[in-house]
């Protein structure tokens, strides 16, 4: 059995934060019920999952950002720029 992706782990952590069973990674955060306090928790989770890539000032997080969008931003931050 393969290891869960970072996106899967992120979705599981957001579900815990929101106290729900699961979340759709393509649903905008505003629709999931993520508020400004949850964003702080979300950034802390991202710092643990995406070690070395989280600069909260550079992340584009708003009510329309999905977890898939956030995962893409974080993975791009991990990719060395040539």
Protein backbone atom coordinates (compact mmCIF):
# COMPACT_ATOMS: atom_id res chain seq x y z
CA UNK A 1 0.00 0.00 0.00
CA UNK A 2 1.39 3.40 -0.93
CA UNK A 3 2.04 6.23 1.47
CA UNK A 4 -0.58 9.03 1.50
CA UNK A 5 0.34 12.16 -0.45
CA UNK A 6 0.97 15.45 1.31
CA UNK A 7 -2.33 16.67 -0.13
CA UNK A 8 -4.14 13.72 1.48
CA UNK A 9 -2.42 14.42 4.79
CA UNK A 10 -3.27 18.13 4.50
CA UNK A 11 -6.92 17.30 3.82
CA UNK A 12 -7.02 14.99 6.85
CA UNK A 13 -5.54 17.70 9.08
CA UNK A 14 -8.00 20.32 7.80
CA UNK A 15 -10.85 17.90 8.47
CA UNK A 16 -9.58 17.61 12.06
CA UNK A 17 -9.35 21.40 12.38
CA UNK A 18 -12.93 21.77 11.11
CA UNK A 19 -14.15 18.77 13.15
CA UNK A 20 -15.58 16.95 10.11
CA UNK A 21 -14.98 13.47 8.68
CA UNK A 22 -13.37 14.62 5.44
CA UNK A 23 -12.95 17.57 3.09
CA UNK A 24 -12.87 17.85 -0.69
CA UNK A 25 -9.45 19.11 -1.79
CA UNK A 26 -11.00 21.01 -4.72
CA UNK A 27 -13.56 22.94 -2.65
CA UNK A 28 -12.62 26.56 -1.88
CA UNK A 29 -11.67 27.12 1.76
CA UNK A 30 -14.50 29.61 2.24
CA UNK A 31 -17.01 26.90 1.34
CA UNK A 32 -15.28 24.43 3.67
CA UNK A 33 -15.78 26.86 6.56
CA UNK A 34 -12.11 27.79 7.04
CA UNK A 35 -11.91 31.14 8.86
CA UNK A 36 -9.00 33.41 9.75
CA UNK A 37 -8.20 31.49 12.96
CA UNK A 38 -8.23 28.21 11.03
CA UNK A 39 -5.75 29.68 8.54
CA UNK A 40 -3.23 30.11 11.36
CA UNK A 41 -3.69 26.43 12.28
CA UNK A 42 -3.46 25.52 8.60
CA UNK A 43 -0.13 27.31 8.21
CA UNK A 44 1.25 25.45 11.24
CA UNK A 45 0.16 22.14 9.65
CA UNK A 46 1.78 23.16 6.37
CA UNK A 47 5.05 23.94 8.17
CA UNK A 48 5.08 20.37 9.47
CA UNK A 49 4.07 18.66 6.21
CA UNK A 50 6.05 20.80 3.75
CA UNK A 51 9.26 21.24 5.72
CA UNK A 52 11.35 24.18 4.56
CA UNK A 53 8.85 25.66 2.14
CA UNK A 54 6.41 27.70 4.17
CA UNK A 55 6.75 31.45 4.00
CA UNK A 56 3.26 32.58 5.04
CA UNK A 57 3.85 36.00 3.47
CA UNK A 58 4.22 34.39 0.02
CA UNK A 59 1.23 32.06 0.23
CA UNK A 60 -1.91 33.14 -1.56
CA UNK A 61 -4.69 32.02 0.76
CA UNK A 62 -8.18 33.42 0.48
CA UNK A 63 -11.75 32.15 0.53
CA UNK A 64 -11.39 30.89 -3.05
CA UNK A 65 -8.15 28.92 -2.51
CA UNK A 66 -8.63 25.15 -2.45
CA UNK A 67 -6.36 22.74 -0.62
CA UNK A 68 -5.17 21.50 -4.02
CA UNK A 69 -4.17 25.11 -4.88
CA UNK A 70 -2.33 25.43 -1.58
CA UNK A 71 -0.57 22.08 -2.10
CA UNK A 72 0.57 23.27 -5.56
CA UNK A 73 1.94 26.52 -4.10
CA UNK A 74 3.85 24.65 -1.40
CA UNK A 75 5.26 22.06 -3.80
CA UNK A 76 6.39 24.82 -6.15
CA UNK A 77 8.15 26.47 -3.21
CA UNK A 78 9.98 23.18 -2.57
CA UNK A 79 11.14 22.92 -6.20
CA UNK A 80 14.54 24.58 -6.71
CA UNK A 81 14.34 27.47 -9.16
CA UNK A 82 16.79 27.16 -12.05
